[in-house]
Amino acid sequence: MQSGNHPDGAGSPCCAPGHHGQPSKADAAQRQAMLAVPVGPRSTRGQVAIPGGRFLLGDAFDEGYPADGETPVHEVSLSPYLIDATAVTNAAFATFVKATGHVTDAEHFGASAVFHLAVAEGADVLGVAAGTPWWLTVRGADWRHPEGAGSSIQRRQNHPVVHVSWHDASAYCQWVGKRLPTEAEWEAAARGGLESSRFAWGDELTPGGRWNCNIWQGRFPDVNTMDDGYLTTAPVKTYRPNGYGLWNTAGNVWEWCADWFSPHYYDESPDADPAGPTTGDQRVMRGGSYLCHDSYCHRYRVAARSSNAPDSFSANLGFRCANDGGGPG
């Protein structure tokens, strides 16, 4: 495991480590695995409709890390679409695996990254992620065993699935009759109708002293006071939904988007239905996670961008699905 740091000069590595083994071989293997996953009939179950129209996207406060490319603020036109109200849960992913026999990238690799305070007792720790010592590579950590072989999702069926790569997320979408959202679709939906706000609920992190998202409180990375109630993942319907009915678009888990990532994309983004660069080596992640903290990684703002290799996976990386607009499937 290696760190998924961005060379932005701000001392601000992303809080999701990357797995950078042999991406060309991994991509080829996963493309073959995805071909084996049946294409499901279109389904809009659990999705909310986002009206088409014009949206302002980007960081209106100039608070982003330079290498993330959150500016300029720009207007885009999006066709009507649908997006899941929540991140995909462990229960939903288990149904997919039972039906298809899909084996995730983390399971193929045999280990994944777990935050050091959450590692299961007796877990087999193989090493430390370079540059981010709070991430430990744990043998047997995967979506069924989020903290290592001694852990389980038995009591976390309604928590977001984690330890899934972009390939795994895409395979699930293919089977369930959905797709990954584009980055523009994700941000427009995450804003919940609030134009140029810092968060999905406004500009204050804790209005009235109330926590609205699952991020880090305390001194990162050793002391989490858990004022928001959680050390790691929270159930997908925690806190309050935004104006469009989406839950947890800030914190909890990073969410994969369909797009390739470029820090310069906003300078060249097309006006209508932007879908990201045509090529790249990193895919977009959005939303931040339970490890975000303003002293380290303030990418829980709704405009914040990050990325990782498509074969990456970790204990704070999940996804939600989207669909083209139209009636129920």
Protein backbone atom coordinates (compact mmCIF):
# COMPACT_ATOMS: atom_id res chain seq x y z
CA MET A 1 0.00 0.00 0.00
CA GLN A 2 1.17 3.49 -0.78
CA SER A 3 -0.20 6.86 0.12
CA GLY A 4 -2.65 8.56 -2.22
CA ASN A 5 -1.04 11.95 -1.59
CA HIS A 6 -1.39 14.91 -3.90
CA PRO A 7 1.77 16.95 -4.55
CA ASP A 8 -0.06 20.19 -3.89
CA GLY A 9 2.55 21.88 -1.74
CA ALA A 10 0.00 22.35 1.02
CA GLY A 11 1.00 19.43 3.21
CA SER A 12 -2.44 18.02 2.61
CA PRO A 13 -2.49 14.35 1.62
CA CYS A 14 -5.83 12.81 0.87
CA CYS A 15 -7.22 10.63 3.66
CA ALA A 16 -7.69 7.59 1.40
CA PRO A 17 -4.51 5.63 0.62
CA GLY A 18 -3.89 4.25 -2.82
CA HIS A 19 -2.92 0.82 -4.04
CA HIS A 20 -0.48 1.21 -6.89
CA GLY A 21 0.68 -2.23 -7.88
CA GLN A 22 0.61 -2.96 -11.60
CA PRO A 23 -2.37 -0.93 -12.79
CA SER A 24 -2.27 -2.09 -16.40
CA LYS A 25 -2.47 -5.74 -15.37
CA ALA A 26 -5.03 -4.98 -12.65
CA ASP A 27 -7.18 -2.96 -15.06
CA ALA A 28 -7.07 -5.74 -17.64
CA ALA A 29 -8.04 -8.37 -15.06
CA GLN A 30 -10.87 -6.28 -13.70
CA ARG A 31 -12.19 -5.46 -17.17
CA GLN A 32 -12.45 -9.22 -17.72
CA ALA A 33 -14.14 -9.63 -14.34
CA MET A 34 -16.66 -6.90 -15.19
CA LEU A 35 -17.48 -8.62 -18.48
CA ALA A 36 -18.46 -11.66 -16.44
CA VAL A 37 -20.95 -9.62 -14.39
CA PRO A 38 -24.39 -9.71 -16.03
CA VAL A 39 -25.91 -6.40 -17.07
CA GLY A 40 -29.03 -5.89 -15.03
CA PRO A 41 -32.25 -4.24 -16.20
CA ARG A 42 -32.50 -0.55 -15.45
CA SER A 43 -33.47 0.10 -11.85
CA THR A 44 -34.21 3.38 -10.08
CA ARG A 45 -34.86 1.82 -6.70
CA GLY A 46 -33.67 4.07 -3.88
CA GLN A 47 -32.94 6.95 -6.24
CA VAL A 48 -34.10 10.56 -6.21
CA ALA A 49 -34.71 12.70 -9.27
CA ILE A 50 -32.47 15.71 -9.86
CA PRO A 51 -34.06 18.21 -12.24
CA GLY A 52 -32.11 19.24 -15.26
CA GLY A 53 -30.88 22.78 -15.47
CA ARG A 54 -27.92 25.00 -14.83
CA PHE A 55 -25.72 24.58 -11.76
CA LEU A 56 -22.76 26.52 -10.38
CA LEU A 57 -19.96 24.14 -9.47
CA GLY A 58 -16.60 24.73 -7.82
CA ASP A 59 -15.10 26.37 -4.74
CA ALA A 60 -16.62 29.82 -4.22
CA PHE A 61 -14.50 30.41 -1.08
CA ASP A 62 -11.06 29.66 -2.58
CA GLU A 63 -10.40 27.15 0.21
CA GLY A 64 -9.31 24.18 -1.87
CA TYR A 65 -5.84 22.68 -2.18
CA PRO A 66 -4.14 23.98 -5.35
CA ALA A 67 -3.49 20.58 -6.93
CA ASP A 68 -7.14 19.54 -6.55
CA GLY A 69 -8.35 22.05 -9.13
CA GLU A 70 -11.56 23.20 -7.42
CA THR A 71 -11.63 26.46 -9.38
CA PRO A 72 -12.75 28.31 -11.35
CA VAL A 73 -16.37 28.31 -10.26
CA HIS A 74 -18.23 27.53 -13.47
CA GLU A 75 -21.77 27.04 -14.68
CA VAL A 76 -22.79 23.77 -16.31
CA SER A 77 -25.99 22.51 -17.84
CA LEU A 78 -27.05 19.02 -16.75
CA SER A 79 -29.74 16.82 -18.21
CA PRO A 80 -32.24 15.41 -15.69
CA TYR A 81 -30.83 12.41 -13.85
CA LEU A 82 -31.34 10.20 -10.83
CA ILE A 83 -28.96 9.41 -7.99
CA ASP A 84 -29.06 7.12 -4.97
CA ALA A 85 -30.27 8.79 -1.80
CA THR A 86 -27.52 6.95 0.12
CA ALA A 87 -24.20 5.27 -0.40
CA VAL A 88 -24.46 1.58 -1.31
CA THR A 89 -24.79 -0.47 1.87
CA ASN A 90 -23.13 -3.68 3.01
CA ALA A 91 -26.48 -5.46 2.66
CA ALA A 92 -26.91 -4.34 -0.95
CA PHE A 93 -23.35 -5.25 -1.89
CA ALA A 94 -23.74 -8.67 -0.25
CA THR A 95 -26.76 -9.35 -2.47
CA PHE A 96 -24.65 -8.48 -5.52
CA VAL A 97 -21.78 -10.75 -4.46
CA LYS A 98 -24.14 -13.64 -3.69
CA ALA A 99 -25.76 -13.33 -7.11
CA THR A 100 -22.59 -12.90 -9.17
CA GLY A 101 -19.72 -14.40 -7.20
CA HIS A 102 -17.81 -11.15 -7.66
CA VAL A 103 -14.43 -11.05 -5.91
CA THR A 104 -13.27 -7.54 -5.03
CA ASP A 105 -9.85 -6.09 -5.73
CA ALA A 106 -9.10 -6.08 -2.00
CA GLU A 107 -9.89 -9.78 -1.78
CA HIS A 108 -7.67 -10.50 -4.78
CA PHE A 109 -4.86 -8.52 -3.17
CA GLY A 110 -5.37 -10.25 0.19
CA ALA A 111 -5.04 -7.09 2.32
CA SER A 112 -6.30 -3.55 2.59
CA ALA A 113 -5.74 -0.29 4.47
CA VAL A 114 -7.32 0.12 7.92
CA PHE A 115 -7.07 3.18 10.15
CA HIS A 116 -4.70 2.45 13.04
CA LEU A 117 -7.24 3.10 15.84
CA ALA A 118 -9.79 0.74 14.25
CA VAL A 119 -7.69 -2.37 13.51
CA ALA A 120 -9.37 -5.52 14.84
CA GLU A 121 -7.77 -7.16 17.86
CA GLY A 122 -5.26 -9.78 16.78
CA ALA A 123 -5.30 -8.66 13.14
CA ASP A 124 -2.27 -9.46 10.99
CA VAL A 125 -0.68 -6.07 10.26
CA LEU A 126 1.65 -6.28 7.29
CA GLY A 127 3.02 -2.76 7.30
CA VAL A 128 2.42 0.98 7.32
CA ALA A 129 1.34 3.07 4.33
CA ALA A 130 4.21 5.25 3.16
CA GLY A 131 3.75 8.88 4.20
CA THR A 132 0.54 8.19 6.14
CA PRO A 133 1.47 6.10 9.21
CA TRP A 134 -2.12 6.12 10.49
CA TRP A 135 -2.97 3.66 7.69
CA LEU A 136 -1.99 0.05 8.35
CA THR A 137 -2.03 -2.65 5.70
CA VAL A 138 -4.01 -5.50 7.27
CA ARG A 139 -4.16 -9.02 5.90
CA GLY A 140 -7.72 -10.17 5.28
CA ALA A 141 -9.27 -6.69 5.50
CA ASP A 142 -12.02 -6.41 2.88
CA TRP A 143 -15.67 -5.43 2.54
CA ARG A 144 -16.81 -8.34 4.74
CA HIS A 145 -14.09 -7.70 7.32
CA PRO A 146 -13.61 -3.91 7.45
CA GLU A 147 -11.02 -3.90 10.25
CA GLY A 148 -9.33 -7.22 9.51
CA ALA A 149 -10.07 -10.93 9.80
CA GLY A 150 -11.52 -10.62 13.31
CA SER A 151 -14.15 -8.05 12.29
CA SER A 152 -17.55 -8.42 10.67
CA ILE A 153 -20.35 -6.44 9.02
CA GLN A 154 -22.99 -8.53 10.79
CA ARG A 155 -24.23 -5.55 12.79
CA ARG A 156 -23.44 -3.01 10.06
CA GLN A 157 -25.78 -4.04 7.28
CA ASN A 158 -26.97 -0.44 6.86
CA HIS A 159 -23.47 1.04 6.87
CA PRO A 160 -21.78 1.95 3.57
CA VAL A 161 -19.75 -0.82 1.96
CA VAL A 162 -16.02 -0.04 2.03
CA HIS A 163 -12.78 -1.56 0.71
CA VAL A 164 -14.24 -1.34 -2.81
CA SER A 165 -12.27 -0.15 -5.82
CA TRP A 166 -13.62 1.83 -8.76
CA HIS A 167 -13.74 -1.47 -10.66
CA ASP A 168 -15.84 -3.08 -7.92
CA ALA A 169 -18.21 -0.11 -7.82
CA SER A 170 -18.60 -0.17 -11.60
CA ALA A 171 -19.33 -3.91 -11.58
CA TYR A 172 -22.02 -3.43 -8.95
CA CYS A 173 -23.62 -0.62 -10.97
CA GLN A 174 -23.59 -2.79 -14.08
CA TRP A 175 -25.37 -5.62 -12.28
CA VAL A 176 -27.95 -3.47 -10.51
CA GLY A 177 -28.95 -1.54 -13.63
CA LYS A 178 -27.40 1.79 -12.68
CA ARG A 179 -24.11 3.64 -13.26
CA LEU A 180 -21.65 5.77 -11.35
CA PRO A 181 -22.47 9.49 -11.28
CA THR A 182 -20.32 11.94 -13.14
CA GLU A 183 -18.44 14.34 -10.93
CA ALA A 184 -20.69 17.21 -12.02
CA GLU A 185 -23.80 15.19 -11.25
CA TRP A 186 -22.40 14.26 -7.85
CA GLU A 187 -21.66 17.86 -6.84
CA ALA A 188 -24.92 19.28 -8.16
CA ALA A 189 -26.88 16.65 -6.24
CA ALA A 190 -24.73 16.97 -3.13
CA ARG A 191 -25.42 20.70 -2.95
CA GLY A 192 -29.11 19.97 -2.46
CA GLY A 193 -30.15 23.14 -4.23
CA LEU A 194 -27.90 25.51 -2.25
CA GLU A 195 -25.85 27.47 -4.76
CA SER A 196 -22.18 28.14 -3.89
CA SER A 197 -22.56 27.02 -0.27
CA ARG A 198 -19.65 25.51 1.64
CA PHE A 199 -21.62 22.48 2.80
CA ALA A 200 -24.84 20.76 1.78
CA TRP A 201 -26.63 22.50 4.66
CA GLY A 202 -25.05 25.97 4.46
CA ASP A 203 -21.76 27.66 5.25
CA GLU A 204 -21.31 26.77 8.95
CA LEU A 205 -19.89 23.37 9.87
CA THR A 206 -21.91 22.99 13.08
CA PRO A 207 -24.91 25.34 12.99
CA GLY A 208 -26.39 25.67 16.47
CA GLY A 209 -23.59 23.39 17.74
CA ARG A 210 -25.09 20.42 15.87
CA TRP A 211 -22.95 18.00 13.84
CA ASN A 212 -24.28 17.30 10.37
CA CYS A 213 -21.58 14.95 9.11
CA ASN A 214 -19.25 12.17 10.19
CA ILE A 215 -15.71 13.58 10.20
CA TRP A 216 -12.84 13.72 12.70
CA GLN A 217 -13.03 15.70 15.94
CA GLY A 218 -10.05 16.10 18.24
CA ARG A 219 -6.35 15.83 17.44
CA PHE A 220 -5.67 13.94 14.24
CA PRO A 221 -4.62 11.13 14.01
CA ASP A 222 -4.48 9.98 17.62
CA VAL A 223 -7.44 11.46 19.52
CA ASN A 224 -10.99 11.40 18.17
CA THR A 225 -13.50 12.76 20.68
CA MET A 226 -16.30 11.35 18.48
CA ASP A 227 -18.53 14.36 19.09
CA ASP A 228 -20.42 13.32 15.96
CA GLY A 229 -20.96 9.84 17.40
CA TYR A 230 -18.61 7.72 15.28
CA LEU A 231 -14.99 6.61 14.99
CA THR A 232 -15.41 4.96 11.59
CA THR A 233 -18.50 4.57 9.39
CA ALA A 234 -21.99 5.66 10.35
CA PRO A 235 -25.25 4.17 9.00
CA VAL A 236 -26.07 5.63 5.60
CA LYS A 237 -29.12 7.50 6.92
CA THR A 238 -27.37 9.33 9.76
CA TYR A 239 -27.87 13.07 10.40
CA ARG A 240 -30.27 14.79 7.98
CA PRO A 241 -30.74 14.59 4.21
CA ASN A 242 -29.99 17.59 2.03
CA GLY A 243 -32.52 19.58 0.04
CA TYR A 244 -32.74 16.90 -2.65
CA GLY A 245 -33.07 14.04 -0.17
CA LEU A 246 -29.45 12.79 -0.28
CA TRP A 247 -27.84 11.56 2.92
CA ASN A 248 -24.19 11.94 3.98
CA THR A 249 -22.73 13.87 1.07
CA ALA A 250 -20.07 15.15 3.47
CA GLY A 251 -17.86 12.78 5.43
CA ASN A 252 -18.57 9.14 6.27
CA VAL A 253 -16.98 7.56 3.16
CA TRP A 254 -15.35 8.79 -0.01
CA GLU A 255 -17.52 8.08 -3.05
CA TRP A 256 -16.23 7.06 -6.47
CA CYS A 257 -17.38 9.01 -9.53
CA ALA A 258 -17.27 7.90 -13.15
CA ASP A 259 -14.74 10.51 -14.31
CA TRP A 260 -11.04 10.40 -14.87
CA PHE A 261 -9.40 13.11 -12.75
CA SER A 262 -7.51 16.17 -13.94
CA PRO A 263 -6.66 19.19 -11.76
CA HIS A 264 -7.11 21.37 -14.86
CA TYR A 265 -10.47 20.03 -15.96
CA TYR A 266 -12.52 23.01 -14.76
CA ASP A 267 -10.55 25.25 -17.14
CA GLU A 268 -11.64 23.16 -20.12
CA SER A 269 -14.89 21.53 -18.98
CA PRO A 270 -17.66 21.58 -21.58
CA ASP A 271 -20.76 23.56 -20.72
CA ALA A 272 -23.25 20.70 -21.14
CA ASP A 273 -23.14 17.40 -19.23
CA PRO A 274 -19.38 17.33 -18.52
CA ALA A 275 -18.09 13.79 -18.06
CA GLY A 276 -14.43 14.35 -17.24
CA PRO A 277 -11.26 13.88 -19.31
CA THR A 278 -11.18 11.11 -21.89
CA THR A 279 -8.12 9.46 -20.32
CA GLY A 280 -6.19 9.44 -17.07
CA ASP A 281 -4.68 7.26 -14.39
CA GLN A 282 -6.82 8.39 -11.42
CA ARG A 283 -10.58 8.39 -10.94
CA VAL A 284 -12.48 11.11 -9.09
CA MET A 285 -13.53 10.64 -5.46
CA ARG A 286 -15.95 12.99 -3.73
CA GLY A 287 -17.38 13.80 -0.32
CA GLY A 288 -14.57 13.18 2.16
CA SER A 289 -14.71 10.58 4.92
CA TYR A 290 -14.78 9.98 8.66
CA LEU A 291 -11.06 10.83 8.76
CA CYS A 292 -11.32 14.35 7.33
CA HIS A 293 -10.22 17.17 9.65
CA ASP A 294 -9.50 20.82 8.91
CA SER A 295 -5.92 20.45 10.16
CA TYR A 296 -5.20 17.67 7.68
CA CYS A 297 -7.75 17.18 4.90
CA HIS A 298 -10.70 19.56 4.68
CA ARG A 299 -12.15 17.82 1.64
CA TYR A 300 -15.54 17.38 3.30
CA ARG A 301 -16.65 20.67 1.69
CA VAL A 302 -19.14 20.09 -1.11
CA ALA A 303 -16.78 21.54 -3.77
CA ALA A 304 -13.79 19.45 -2.66
CA ARG A 305 -12.21 17.10 -5.18
CA SER A 306 -9.82 14.19 -4.80
CA SER A 307 -8.78 11.13 -6.76
CA ASN A 308 -7.23 7.70 -6.58
CA ALA A 309 -6.13 4.87 -8.85
CA PRO A 310 -9.13 2.80 -9.98
CA ASP A 311 -7.68 -0.33 -8.36
CA SER A 312 -7.41 1.42 -4.95
CA PHE A 313 -9.44 0.40 -1.92
CA SER A 314 -9.48 1.27 1.78
CA ALA A 315 -11.66 1.30 4.88
CA ASN A 316 -13.15 4.70 4.05
CA LEU A 317 -13.90 4.32 0.34
CA GLY A 318 -17.37 3.50 -1.03
CA PHE A 319 -19.82 4.79 -3.66
CA ARG A 320 -23.38 5.60 -4.64
CA CYS A 321 -25.07 5.04 -8.00
CA ALA A 322 -26.80 7.23 -10.58
CA ASN A 323 -28.99 6.82 -13.64
CA ASP A 324 -30.10 8.79 -16.65
CA GLY A 325 -33.35 10.67 -16.15
CA GLY A 326 -36.66 9.01 -16.86
CA GLY A 327 -39.41 7.07 -15.20
CA PRO A 328 -38.96 4.30 -12.63
CA GLY A 329 -37.20 1.17 -13.84
